[in-house]
């Protein structure tokens, strides 16, 4: 049986809790016996304990769709429709987690077959023109076809020449590293192994190298607040790699958790945006919040960070509002 989280509950505001004080017959001793800092600390602990007791679910839930399927006030046919949508999304999940590898692998074999087996001499220019358009990557843009095919080629070349292992990693002479050739011939075997067991995040984490970033002129960029233009921020390998992995977290989508489905004891849905991945795009976020409201049928709130401040974005079915969150109200997990 699906529980109804929208049933009316006795109103209770945890911020009104009172901390018991030690009694004193001398008024001037009160601030010493009951220090204000201590009372405030105890009050916050009580608020936190009461909030946890009232909160459902007890622990944050990442599968927002499943949570709504199980707990929103829906008809059976509505649950069936949402379940079908969720199952289809999970069906395509592996493709979303391997987009760079998929596009790179397809481009690698398309290029290999065309240039070595299928193409006639008269078709070279047309093929080159078409292929270059597919793998081109202008400054400031990320092309999964380009990064994927070049990284597979780089892996194949490195393993063909033995540019891996403790001995190679310990070499600090740049010229010697460039001339390194143990003629191991393991490249083709290695890329098949990589294709089998890696996803995009582990693919880049394992095989992206400083040499690769320098060769392909990769960099991070950010907006200059004075000029309003995007400019190169860094060419440092660690920052480039970190930014790429950051963008790929959760397939490039913000991570949202259900923190409380009984916010303020009124059956309102409280979602939390984790700050370990992409930021919320407010236009898309508002459309999503409105759709969540249609399913949940009660006000929806989203905790996020805007301009380095904790904010709570709320939608009551008609209007959006936002407010800054004091530290004691921020849900952390």
C-alpha atoms as a PDB file:
ATOM      1  CA  UNK A   1       0.000   0.000   0.000  1.00  0.00           C
ATOM      2  CA  UNK A   2       1.327   3.457  -0.935  1.00  0.00           C
ATOM      3  CA  UNK A   3       1.448   5.788   2.007  1.00  0.00           C
ATOM      4  CA  UNK A   4      -0.064   9.247   1.621  1.00  0.00           C
ATOM      5  CA  UNK A   5       2.480  11.813   2.717  1.00  0.00           C
ATOM      6  CA  UNK A   6       0.003  14.679   2.224  1.00  0.00           C
ATOM      7  CA  UNK A   7      -2.215  13.953   5.202  1.00  0.00           C
ATOM      8  CA  UNK A   8      -2.570  16.958   7.489  1.00  0.00           C
ATOM      9  CA  UNK A   9      -0.261  16.854  10.482  1.00  0.00           C
ATOM     10  CA  UNK A  10      -0.263  18.955  13.642  1.00  0.00           C
ATOM     11  CA  UNK A  11       1.653  22.130  12.867  1.00  0.00           C
ATOM     12  CA  UNK A  12       4.940  22.342  14.694  1.00  0.00           C
ATOM     13  CA  UNK A  13       7.768  24.779  14.120  1.00  0.00           C
ATOM     14  CA  UNK A  14      11.074  23.339  15.389  1.00  0.00           C
ATOM     15  CA  UNK A  15      12.632  26.814  15.469  1.00  0.00           C
ATOM     16  CA  UNK A  16      10.418  27.657  18.475  1.00  0.00           C
ATOM     17  CA  UNK A  17      11.963  25.066  20.757  1.00  0.00           C
ATOM     18  CA  UNK A  18      13.092  26.237  24.176  1.00  0.00           C
ATOM     19  CA  UNK A  19      16.172  25.057  25.999  1.00  0.00           C
ATOM     20  CA  UNK A  20      15.673  24.407  29.739  1.00  0.00           C
ATOM     21  CA  UNK A  21      17.627  26.862  31.857  1.00  0.00           C
ATOM     22  CA  UNK A  22      19.254  26.339  35.230  1.00  0.00           C
ATOM     23  CA  UNK A  23      17.332  28.242  37.876  1.00  0.00           C
ATOM     24  CA  UNK A  24      18.996  31.104  39.683  1.00  0.00           C
ATOM     25  CA  UNK A  25      17.588  33.224  42.524  1.00  0.00           C
ATOM     26  CA  UNK A  26      19.976  36.031  41.669  1.00  0.00           C
ATOM     27  CA  UNK A  27      19.196  37.649  38.285  1.00  0.00           C
ATOM     28  CA  UNK A  28      22.693  38.976  37.716  1.00  0.00           C
ATOM     29  CA  UNK A  29      24.025  35.376  37.819  1.00  0.00           C
ATOM     30  CA  UNK A  30      21.787  34.165  34.965  1.00  0.00           C
ATOM     31  CA  UNK A  31      24.218  35.031  32.132  1.00  0.00           C
ATOM     32  CA  UNK A  32      26.948  33.072  33.944  1.00  0.00           C
ATOM     33  CA  UNK A  33      24.821  30.046  34.805  1.00  0.00           C
ATOM     34  CA  UNK A  34      23.090  30.015  31.399  1.00  0.00           C
ATOM     35  CA  UNK A  35      25.612  31.410  28.865  1.00  0.00           C
ATOM     36  CA  UNK A  36      23.801  32.603  25.676  1.00  0.00           C
ATOM     37  CA  UNK A  37      26.316  30.770  23.461  1.00  0.00           C
ATOM     38  CA  UNK A  38      25.622  27.494  25.236  1.00  0.00           C
ATOM     39  CA  UNK A  39      21.848  27.950  25.049  1.00  0.00           C
ATOM     40  CA  UNK A  40      22.031  28.689  21.315  1.00  0.00           C
ATOM     41  CA  UNK A  41      24.191  25.623  20.722  1.00  0.00           C
ATOM     42  CA  UNK A  42      21.736  23.414  22.602  1.00  0.00           C
ATOM     43  CA  UNK A  43      18.819  24.968  20.734  1.00  0.00           C
ATOM     44  CA  UNK A  44      20.377  24.120  17.348  1.00  0.00           C
ATOM     45  CA  UNK A  45      20.945  20.539  18.484  1.00  0.00           C
ATOM     46  CA  UNK A  46      17.296  20.225  19.503  1.00  0.00           C
ATOM     47  CA  UNK A  47      16.141  21.723  16.215  1.00  0.00           C
ATOM     48  CA  UNK A  48      18.289  19.273  14.303  1.00  0.00           C
ATOM     49  CA  UNK A  49      17.019  16.309  16.306  1.00  0.00           C
ATOM     50  CA  UNK A  50      13.369  17.299  15.890  1.00  0.00           C
ATOM     51  CA  UNK A  51      13.811  17.937  12.179  1.00  0.00           C
ATOM     52  CA  UNK A  52      15.375  14.506  11.687  1.00  0.00           C
ATOM     53  CA  UNK A  53      12.506  12.877  13.587  1.00  0.00           C
ATOM     54  CA  UNK A  54       9.914  14.533  11.356  1.00  0.00           C
ATOM     55  CA  UNK A  55      11.820  14.049   8.081  1.00  0.00           C
ATOM     56  CA  UNK A  56      10.833  11.410   5.551  1.00  0.00           C
ATOM     57  CA  UNK A  57      12.780   9.746   4.046  1.00  0.00           C
ATOM     58  CA  UNK A  58      15.180   9.180   6.909  1.00  0.00           C
ATOM     59  CA  UNK A  59      18.131   9.273   4.494  1.00  0.00           C
ATOM     60  CA  UNK A  60      18.418  11.255   1.216  1.00  0.00           C
ATOM     61  CA  UNK A  61      17.129   9.459  -1.889  1.00  0.00           C
ATOM     62  CA  UNK A  62      18.710  10.058  -5.296  1.00  0.00           C
ATOM     63  CA  UNK A  63      16.056   8.257  -7.338  1.00  0.00           C
ATOM     64  CA  UNK A  64      13.544  11.117  -7.309  1.00  0.00           C
ATOM     65  CA  UNK A  65      11.286   9.484  -9.890  1.00  0.00           C
ATOM     66  CA  UNK A  66      10.963   6.229  -7.945  1.00  0.00           C
ATOM     67  CA  UNK A  67      10.319   8.130  -4.723  1.00  0.00           C
ATOM     68  CA  UNK A  68       7.429  10.012  -6.342  1.00  0.00           C
ATOM     69  CA  UNK A  69       6.056   6.818  -7.891  1.00  0.00           C
ATOM     70  CA  UNK A  70       5.931   5.227  -4.448  1.00  0.00           C
ATOM     71  CA  UNK A  71       4.776   8.220  -2.402  1.00  0.00           C
ATOM     72  CA  UNK A  72       2.927  10.785  -4.545  1.00  0.00           C
ATOM     73  CA  UNK A  73      -0.928  10.768  -4.501  1.00  0.00           C
ATOM     74  CA  UNK A  74      -1.322   9.183  -7.953  1.00  0.00           C
ATOM     75  CA  UNK A  75      -3.813   6.954  -9.677  1.00  0.00           C
ATOM     76  CA  UNK A  76      -2.571   3.483 -10.602  1.00  0.00           C
ATOM     77  CA  UNK A  77      -2.417   4.333 -14.298  1.00  0.00           C
ATOM     78  CA  UNK A  78      -0.340   7.420 -13.497  1.00  0.00           C
ATOM     79  CA  UNK A  79       2.144   5.274 -11.568  1.00  0.00           C
ATOM     80  CA  UNK A  80       2.316   2.915 -14.550  1.00  0.00           C
ATOM     81  CA  UNK A  81       3.127   5.778 -16.934  1.00  0.00           C
ATOM     82  CA  UNK A  82       5.866   7.148 -14.670  1.00  0.00           C
ATOM     83  CA  UNK A  83       7.272   3.647 -14.185  1.00  0.00           C
ATOM     84  CA  UNK A  84       7.511   3.167 -17.956  1.00  0.00           C
ATOM     85  CA  UNK A  85       9.352   6.503 -18.315  1.00  0.00           C
ATOM     86  CA  UNK A  86      11.754   5.575 -15.510  1.00  0.00           C
ATOM     87  CA  UNK A  87      12.473   2.119 -16.943  1.00  0.00           C
ATOM     88  CA  UNK A  88      13.201   3.600 -20.365  1.00  0.00           C
ATOM     89  CA  UNK A  89      15.578   6.145 -18.826  1.00  0.00           C
ATOM     90  CA  UNK A  90      17.495   3.363 -17.074  1.00  0.00           C
ATOM     91  CA  UNK A  91      17.609   1.404 -20.332  1.00  0.00           C
ATOM     92  CA  UNK A  92      19.518   4.258 -21.977  1.00  0.00           C
ATOM     93  CA  UNK A  93      21.698   4.942 -18.916  1.00  0.00           C
ATOM     94  CA  UNK A  94      24.727   2.920 -20.160  1.00  0.00           C
ATOM     95  CA  UNK A  95      24.763   4.925 -23.403  1.00  0.00           C
ATOM     96  CA  UNK A  96      24.797   8.143 -21.412  1.00  0.00           C
ATOM     97  CA  UNK A  97      27.717   6.927 -19.317  1.00  0.00           C
ATOM     98  CA  UNK A  98      29.814   5.972 -22.370  1.00  0.00           C
ATOM     99  CA  UNK A  99      29.043   8.735 -24.876  1.00  0.00           C
ATOM    100  CA  UNK A 100      32.683   9.784 -25.408  1.00  0.00           C
ATOM    101  CA  UNK A 101      33.807   6.184 -25.748  1.00  0.00           C
ATOM    102  CA  UNK A 102      30.907   5.283 -28.077  1.00  0.00           C
ATOM    103  CA  UNK A 103      31.480   8.220 -30.402  1.00  0.00           C
ATOM    104  CA  UNK A 104      35.255   7.777 -30.323  1.00  0.00           C
ATOM    105  CA  UNK A 105      35.045   4.040 -30.989  1.00  0.00           C
ATOM    106  CA  UNK A 106      32.647   4.517 -33.923  1.00  0.00           C
ATOM    107  CA  UNK A 107      34.839   7.258 -35.428  1.00  0.00           C
ATOM    108  CA  UNK A 108      37.993   5.186 -34.942  1.00  0.00           C
ATOM    109  CA  UNK A 109      36.630   2.170 -36.827  1.00  0.00           C
ATOM    110  CA  UNK A 110      34.865   4.242 -39.455  1.00  0.00           C
ATOM    111  CA  UNK A 111      38.153   5.972 -40.236  1.00  0.00           C
ATOM    112  CA  UNK A 112      40.121   2.711 -40.136  1.00  0.00           C
ATOM    113  CA  UNK A 113      37.758   0.833 -42.451  1.00  0.00           C
ATOM    114  CA  UNK A 114      37.377   3.699 -44.918  1.00  0.00           C
ATOM    115  CA  UNK A 115      41.090   4.521 -45.237  1.00  0.00           C
ATOM    116  CA  UNK A 116      42.378   0.938 -45.291  1.00  0.00           C
ATOM    117  CA  UNK A 117      39.627  -1.172 -46.862  1.00  0.00           C
ATOM    118  CA  UNK A 118      36.596   0.518 -48.401  1.00  0.00           C
ATOM    119  CA  UNK A 119      37.577   3.830 -49.968  1.00  0.00           C
ATOM    120  CA  UNK A 120      38.754   4.471 -53.518  1.00  0.00           C
ATOM    121  CA  UNK A 121      41.408   7.051 -54.337  1.00  0.00           C
ATOM    122  CA  UNK A 122      38.807   9.308 -55.951  1.00  0.00           C
ATOM    123  CA  UNK A 123      36.796   9.388 -52.704  1.00  0.00           C
ATOM    124  CA  UNK A 124      39.584  10.568 -50.391  1.00  0.00           C
ATOM    125  CA  UNK A 125      38.809  14.302 -50.554  1.00  0.00           C
ATOM    126  CA  UNK A 126      35.065  13.861 -49.983  1.00  0.00           C
ATOM    127  CA  UNK A 127      35.686  11.517 -47.081  1.00  0.00           C
ATOM    128  CA  UNK A 128      38.291  13.798 -45.512  1.00  0.00           C
ATOM    129  CA  UNK A 129      35.944  16.771 -45.760  1.00  0.00           C
ATOM    130  CA  UNK A 130      33.099  14.846 -44.117  1.00  0.00           C
ATOM    131  CA  UNK A 131      35.252  13.293 -41.408  1.00  0.00           C
ATOM    132  CA  UNK A 132      36.978  16.562 -40.495  1.00  0.00           C
ATOM    133  CA  UNK A 133      33.590  18.177 -39.925  1.00  0.00           C
ATOM    134  CA  UNK A 134      32.621  15.363 -37.553  1.00  0.00           C
ATOM    135  CA  UNK A 135      35.730  15.539 -35.383  1.00  0.00           C
ATOM    136  CA  UNK A 136      36.408  19.278 -35.524  1.00  0.00           C
ATOM    137  CA  UNK A 137      36.528  21.059 -32.165  1.00  0.00           C
ATOM    138  CA  UNK A 138      36.528  24.837 -32.013  1.00  0.00           C
ATOM    139  CA  UNK A 139      38.010  26.657 -29.044  1.00  0.00           C
ATOM    140  CA  UNK A 140      35.833  26.492 -25.939  1.00  0.00           C
ATOM    141  CA  UNK A 141      33.774  23.525 -27.166  1.00  0.00           C
ATOM    142  CA  UNK A 142      33.956  19.875 -26.242  1.00  0.00           C
ATOM    143  CA  UNK A 143      33.454  17.360 -29.064  1.00  0.00           C
ATOM    144  CA  UNK A 144      33.092  13.747 -27.810  1.00  0.00           C
ATOM    145  CA  UNK A 145      33.885  12.423 -31.312  1.00  0.00           C
ATOM    146  CA  UNK A 146      37.218  14.257 -31.322  1.00  0.00           C
ATOM    147  CA  UNK A 147      38.307  13.454 -27.769  1.00  0.00           C
ATOM    148  CA  UNK A 148      37.137   9.852 -28.044  1.00  0.00           C
ATOM    149  CA  UNK A 149      38.908   8.964 -31.309  1.00  0.00           C
ATOM    150  CA  UNK A 150      42.121  10.778 -30.402  1.00  0.00           C
ATOM    151  CA  UNK A 151      42.292   9.147 -26.973  1.00  0.00           C
ATOM    152  CA  UNK A 152      41.782   5.674 -28.452  1.00  0.00           C
ATOM    153  CA  UNK A 153      44.532   6.404 -30.981  1.00  0.00           C
ATOM    154  CA  UNK A 154      46.788   7.695 -28.223  1.00  0.00           C
ATOM    155  CA  UNK A 155      46.231   4.539 -26.141  1.00  0.00           C
ATOM    156  CA  UNK A 156      46.938   2.323 -29.144  1.00  0.00           C
ATOM    157  CA  UNK A 157      50.179   4.175 -29.931  1.00  0.00           C
ATOM    158  CA  UNK A 158      51.357   4.156 -26.301  1.00  0.00           C
ATOM    159  CA  UNK A 159      50.788   0.437 -25.877  1.00  0.00           C
ATOM    160  CA  UNK A 160      52.356  -0.322 -29.256  1.00  0.00           C
ATOM    161  CA  UNK A 161      55.542   1.441 -28.106  1.00  0.00           C
ATOM    162  CA  UNK A 162      55.458   0.300 -24.477  1.00  0.00           C
ATOM    163  CA  UNK A 163      54.801   3.765 -23.060  1.00  0.00           C
ATOM    164  CA  UNK A 164      53.207   2.479 -19.872  1.00  0.00           C
ATOM    165  CA  UNK A 165      54.187   0.800 -16.621  1.00  0.00           C
ATOM    166  CA  UNK A 166      56.458   1.773 -13.681  1.00  0.00           C
ATOM    167  CA  UNK A 167      59.607   2.216 -15.784  1.00  0.00           C
ATOM    168  CA  UNK A 168      57.993   4.652 -18.201  1.00  0.00           C
ATOM    169  CA  UNK A 169      56.157   6.514 -15.443  1.00  0.00           C
ATOM    170  CA  UNK A 170      59.438   6.968 -13.532  1.00  0.00           C
ATOM    171  CA  UNK A 171      61.169   8.523 -16.560  1.00  0.00           C
ATOM    172  CA  UNK A 172      61.398  12.313 -16.181  1.00  0.00           C
ATOM    173  CA  UNK A 173      63.424  13.068 -19.331  1.00  0.00           C
ATOM    174  CA  UNK A 174      60.950  14.540 -21.831  1.00  0.00           C
ATOM    175  CA  UNK A 175      63.071  13.716 -24.894  1.00  0.00           C
ATOM    176  CA  UNK A 176      63.563  10.155 -23.752  1.00  0.00           C
ATOM    177  CA  UNK A 177      59.823   9.774 -23.165  1.00  0.00           C
ATOM    178  CA  UNK A 178      59.118  11.037 -26.686  1.00  0.00           C
ATOM    179  CA  UNK A 179      61.601   8.574 -28.209  1.00  0.00           C
ATOM    180  CA  UNK A 180      60.472   5.697 -25.992  1.00  0.00           C
ATOM    181  CA  UNK A 181      59.805   2.554 -28.038  1.00  0.00           C
ATOM    182  CA  UNK A 182      59.800  -0.981 -26.662  1.00  0.00           C
ATOM    183  CA  UNK A 183      57.957  -2.269 -29.755  1.00  0.00           C
ATOM    184  CA  UNK A 184      55.446  -4.180 -27.635  1.00  0.00           C
ATOM    185  CA  UNK A 185      52.658  -4.123 -30.240  1.00  0.00           C
ATOM    186  CA  UNK A 186      49.887  -4.318 -27.631  1.00  0.00           C
ATOM    187  CA  UNK A 187      47.876  -1.316 -28.853  1.00  0.00           C
ATOM    188  CA  UNK A 188      44.983  -3.052 -30.591  1.00  0.00           C
ATOM    189  CA  UNK A 189      44.551  -5.523 -27.740  1.00  0.00           C
ATOM    190  CA  UNK A 190      44.580  -2.687 -25.210  1.00  0.00           C
ATOM    191  CA  UNK A 191      41.873  -0.567 -26.862  1.00  0.00           C
ATOM    192  CA  UNK A 192      39.553  -3.590 -27.004  1.00  0.00           C
ATOM    193  CA  UNK A 193      40.181  -4.135 -23.297  1.00  0.00           C
ATOM    194  CA  UNK A 194      39.481  -0.470 -22.570  1.00  0.00           C
ATOM    195  CA  UNK A 195      36.287  -0.528 -24.616  1.00  0.00           C
ATOM    196  CA  UNK A 196      35.061  -3.511 -22.635  1.00  0.00           C
ATOM    197  CA  UNK A 197      35.546  -2.415 -19.037  1.00  0.00           C
ATOM    198  CA  UNK A 198      35.654   1.426 -18.871  1.00  0.00           C
ATOM    199  CA  UNK A 199      33.062   4.205 -18.916  1.00  0.00           C
ATOM    200  CA  UNK A 200      33.628   7.877 -19.780  1.00  0.00           C
ATOM    201  CA  UNK A 201      34.676   8.947 -16.289  1.00  0.00           C
ATOM    202  CA  UNK A 202      37.147   6.094 -15.717  1.00  0.00           C
ATOM    203  CA  UNK A 203      38.302   6.350 -19.359  1.00  0.00           C
ATOM    204  CA  UNK A 204      39.431   9.962 -18.942  1.00  0.00           C
ATOM    205  CA  UNK A 205      40.612   9.486 -15.382  1.00  0.00           C
ATOM    206  CA  UNK A 206      42.891   6.603 -16.377  1.00  0.00           C
ATOM    207  CA  UNK A 207      44.186   7.553 -19.825  1.00  0.00           C
ATOM    208  CA  UNK A 208      44.155  11.347 -20.121  1.00  0.00           C
ATOM    209  CA  UNK A 209      47.784  12.522 -19.904  1.00  0.00           C
ATOM    210  CA  UNK A 210      49.604  15.862 -19.775  1.00  0.00           C
ATOM    211  CA  UNK A 211      51.147  15.060 -23.177  1.00  0.00           C
ATOM    212  CA  UNK A 212      47.702  14.470 -24.682  1.00  0.00           C
ATOM    213  CA  UNK A 213      46.359  17.766 -23.325  1.00  0.00           C
ATOM    214  CA  UNK A 214      49.377  19.683 -24.638  1.00  0.00           C
ATOM    215  CA  UNK A 215      49.230  18.013 -28.061  1.00  0.00           C
ATOM    216  CA  UNK A 216      45.539  18.797 -28.515  1.00  0.00           C
ATOM    217  CA  UNK A 217      45.744  22.253 -26.904  1.00  0.00           C
ATOM    218  CA  UNK A 218      43.140  21.612 -24.234  1.00  0.00           C
ATOM    219  CA  UNK A 219      42.429  24.306 -21.653  1.00  0.00           C
ATOM    220  CA  UNK A 220      39.830  25.487 -19.158  1.00  0.00           C
ATOM    221  CA  UNK A 221      38.003  28.771 -19.622  1.00  0.00           C
ATOM    222  CA  UNK A 222      35.822  31.130 -17.637  1.00  0.00           C
ATOM    223  CA  UNK A 223      34.043  34.436 -18.067  1.00  0.00           C
ATOM    224  CA  UNK A 224      35.941  37.628 -17.342  1.00  0.00           C
ATOM    225  CA  UNK A 225      33.531  39.669 -15.158  1.00  0.00           C
ATOM    226  CA  UNK A 226      35.060  42.931 -16.393  1.00  0.00           C
ATOM    227  CA  UNK A 227      34.874  42.312 -20.146  1.00  0.00           C
ATOM    228  CA  UNK A 228      31.978  39.850 -20.149  1.00  0.00           C
ATOM    229  CA  UNK A 229      33.970  37.576 -22.473  1.00  0.00           C
ATOM    230  CA  UNK A 230      35.097  33.983 -21.973  1.00  0.00           C
ATOM    231  CA  UNK A 231      38.862  33.690 -21.620  1.00  0.00           C
ATOM    232  CA  UNK A 232      41.400  30.913 -21.099  1.00  0.00           C
ATOM    233  CA  UNK A 233      41.645  30.251 -17.373  1.00  0.00           C
ATOM    234  CA  UNK A 234      44.329  27.557 -17.250  1.00  0.00           C
ATOM    235  CA  UNK A 235      46.361  25.101 -19.312  1.00  0.00           C
ATOM    236  CA  UNK A 236      47.426  23.093 -16.255  1.00  0.00           C
ATOM    237  CA  UNK A 237      46.796  19.380 -16.695  1.00  0.00           C
ATOM    238  CA  UNK A 238      45.238  18.773 -13.275  1.00  0.00           C
ATOM    239  CA  UNK A 239      42.742  21.601 -13.739  1.00  0.00           C
ATOM    240  CA  UNK A 240      41.818  20.431 -17.244  1.00  0.00           C
ATOM    241  CA  UNK A 241      41.312  16.865 -16.076  1.00  0.00           C
ATOM    242  CA  UNK A 242      39.407  17.965 -12.989  1.00  0.00           C
ATOM    243  CA  UNK A 243      37.055  20.127 -15.057  1.00  0.00           C
ATOM    244  CA  UNK A 244      36.359  17.328 -17.533  1.00  0.00           C
ATOM    245  CA  UNK A 245      35.588  14.831 -14.774  1.00  0.00           C
ATOM    246  CA  UNK A 246      33.477  17.442 -12.975  1.00  0.00           C
ATOM    247  CA  UNK A 247      31.389  17.983 -16.127  1.00  0.00           C
ATOM    248  CA  UNK A 248      30.912  14.239 -16.590  1.00  0.00           C
ATOM    249  CA  UNK A 249      29.660  13.640 -13.043  1.00  0.00           C
ATOM    250  CA  UNK A 250      26.161  12.170 -13.255  1.00  0.00           C
ATOM    251  CA  UNK A 251      26.416  12.372 -17.088  1.00  0.00           C
ATOM    252  CA  UNK A 252      26.731  16.142 -16.930  1.00  0.00           C
ATOM    253  CA  UNK A 253      23.461  16.618 -15.052  1.00  0.00           C
ATOM    254  CA  UNK A 254      22.988  18.157 -11.593  1.00  0.00           C
ATOM    255  CA  UNK A 255      22.689  15.636  -8.755  1.00  0.00           C
ATOM    256  CA  UNK A 256      19.346  16.061  -6.998  1.00  0.00           C
ATOM    257  CA  UNK A 257      18.223  14.200  -3.873  1.00  0.00           C
ATOM    258  CA  UNK A 258      14.936  13.961  -2.017  1.00  0.00           C
ATOM    259  CA  UNK A 259      15.773  15.283   1.451  1.00  0.00           C
ATOM    260  CA  UNK A 260      12.272  15.594   2.942  1.00  0.00           C
ATOM    261  CA  UNK A 261       8.766  14.891   1.698  1.00  0.00           C
ATOM    262  CA  UNK A 262       7.112  16.438   4.749  1.00  0.00           C
ATOM    263  CA  UNK A 263       8.810  19.823   4.817  1.00  0.00           C
ATOM    264  CA  UNK A 264       7.442  22.060   7.586  1.00  0.00           C
ATOM    265  CA  UNK A 265       5.156  19.136   8.434  1.00  0.00           C
ATOM    266  CA  UNK A 266       2.903  20.071   5.479  1.00  0.00           C
ATOM    267  CA  UNK A 267       3.653  17.307   2.967  1.00  0.00           C
ATOM    268  CA  UNK A 268       5.816  19.604   0.845  1.00  0.00           C
ATOM    269  CA  UNK A 269       8.699  18.157  -1.162  1.00  0.00           C
ATOM    270  CA  UNK A 270      12.219  19.359  -0.310  1.00  0.00           C
ATOM    271  CA  UNK A 271      14.950  18.545  -2.838  1.00  0.00           C
ATOM    272  CA  UNK A 272      18.681  19.145  -2.427  1.00  0.00           C
ATOM    273  CA  UNK A 273      21.126  19.938  -5.208  1.00  0.00           C
ATOM    274  CA  UNK A 274      24.581  18.548  -4.425  1.00  0.00           C
ATOM    275  CA  UNK A 275      27.407  20.912  -5.318  1.00  0.00           C
ATOM    276  CA  UNK A 276      29.780  18.214  -6.632  1.00  0.00           C
ATOM    277  CA  UNK A 277      28.654  18.473 -10.253  1.00  0.00           C
ATOM    278  CA  UNK A 278      27.093  20.868 -12.779  1.00  0.00           C
ATOM    279  CA  UNK A 279      25.203  23.911 -11.549  1.00  0.00           C
ATOM    280  CA  UNK A 280      21.474  24.331 -11.997  1.00  0.00           C
ATOM    281  CA  UNK A 281      20.364  26.117 -15.152  1.00  0.00           C
ATOM    282  CA  UNK A 282      17.480  28.114 -13.792  1.00  0.00           C
ATOM    283  CA  UNK A 283      15.307  28.045 -16.931  1.00  0.00           C
ATOM    284  CA  UNK A 284      15.529  24.249 -17.119  1.00  0.00           C
ATOM    285  CA  UNK A 285      15.268  23.905 -13.342  1.00  0.00           C
ATOM    286  CA  UNK A 286      12.022  25.886 -13.175  1.00  0.00           C
ATOM    287  CA  UNK A 287      10.426  23.789 -15.907  1.00  0.00           C
ATOM    288  CA  UNK A 288      11.454  20.645 -14.029  1.00  0.00           C
ATOM    289  CA  UNK A 289      10.147  21.953 -10.698  1.00  0.00           C
ATOM    290  CA  UNK A 290       6.774  22.711 -12.289  1.00  0.00           C
ATOM    291  CA  UNK A 291       6.595  19.164 -13.656  1.00  0.00           C
ATOM    292  CA  UNK A 292       7.522  17.718 -10.262  1.00  0.00           C
ATOM    293  CA  UNK A 293       4.718  19.793  -8.717  1.00  0.00           C
ATOM    294  CA  UNK A 294       2.217  18.265 -11.169  1.00  0.00           C
ATOM    295  CA  UNK A 295       3.166  14.833  -9.852  1.00  0.00           C
ATOM    296  CA  UNK A 296       3.596  15.672  -6.162  1.00  0.00           C
ATOM    297  CA  UNK A 297       0.655  18.117  -6.056  1.00  0.00           C
ATOM    298  CA  UNK A 298       2.107  20.064  -3.164  1.00  0.00           C
ATOM    299  CA  UNK A 299       4.684  22.882  -3.042  1.00  0.00           C
ATOM    300  CA  UNK A 300       8.179  21.897  -4.168  1.00  0.00           C
ATOM    301  CA  UNK A 301      11.417  23.371  -2.801  1.00  0.00           C
ATOM    302  CA  UNK A 302      14.974  23.011  -4.123  1.00  0.00           C
ATOM    303  CA  UNK A 303      18.036  23.824  -2.026  1.00  0.00           C
ATOM    304  CA  UNK A 304      20.984  24.968  -4.133  1.00  0.00           C
ATOM    305  CA  UNK A 305      23.853  27.470  -4.329  1.00  0.00           C
ATOM    306  CA  UNK A 306      23.473  30.751  -6.224  1.00  0.00           C
ATOM    307  CA  UNK A 307      26.160  33.438  -6.161  1.00  0.00           C
ATOM    308  CA  UNK A 308      27.998  31.514  -3.419  1.00  0.00           C
ATOM    309  CA  UNK A 309      24.947  31.580  -1.144  1.00  0.00           C
ATOM    310  CA  UNK A 310      22.617  28.802  -0.052  1.00  0.00           C
ATOM    311  CA  UNK A 311      19.231  29.447  -1.617  1.00  0.00           C
ATOM    312  CA  UNK A 312      15.837  27.791  -1.440  1.00  0.00           C
ATOM    313  CA  UNK A 313      13.825  27.968  -4.658  1.00  0.00           C
ATOM    314  CA  UNK A 314      10.137  27.300  -4.095  1.00  0.00           C
ATOM    315  CA  UNK A 315       7.088  26.770  -6.298  1.00  0.00           C
ATOM    316  CA  UNK A 316       3.564  26.691  -4.867  1.00  0.00           C
ATOM    317  CA  UNK A 317       1.734  25.818  -8.061  1.00  0.00           C
ATOM    318  CA  UNK A 318       1.375  29.428  -9.191  1.00  0.00           C
ATOM    319  CA  UNK A 319       4.496  31.437  -8.442  1.00  0.00           C
ATOM    320  CA  UNK A 320       8.207  30.932  -7.870  1.00  0.00           C
ATOM    321  CA  UNK A 321      10.043  32.446  -4.936  1.00  0.00           C
ATOM    322  CA  UNK A 322      13.520  32.188  -3.475  1.00  0.00           C
ATOM    323  CA  UNK A 323      15.187  33.107  -0.232  1.00  0.00           C
ATOM    324  CA  UNK A 324      18.592  32.849   1.347  1.00  0.00           C
ATOM    325  CA  UNK A 325      18.991  30.013   3.819  1.00  0.00           C
ATOM    326  CA  UNK A 326      20.620  30.613   7.211  1.00  0.00           C
ATOM    327  CA  UNK A 327      23.224  28.029   8.188  1.00  0.00           C
ATOM    328  CA  UNK A 328      20.959  26.275  10.661  1.00  0.00           C
ATOM    329  CA  UNK A 329      18.382  25.541   7.930  1.00  0.00           C
ATOM    330  CA  UNK A 330      20.795  24.164   5.321  1.00  0.00           C
ATOM    331  CA  UNK A 331      20.404  20.414   4.941  1.00  0.00           C
ATOM    332  CA  UNK A 332      23.788  18.743   4.718  1.00  0.00           C
ATOM    333  CA  UNK A 333      24.606  15.140   3.885  1.00  0.00           C
END
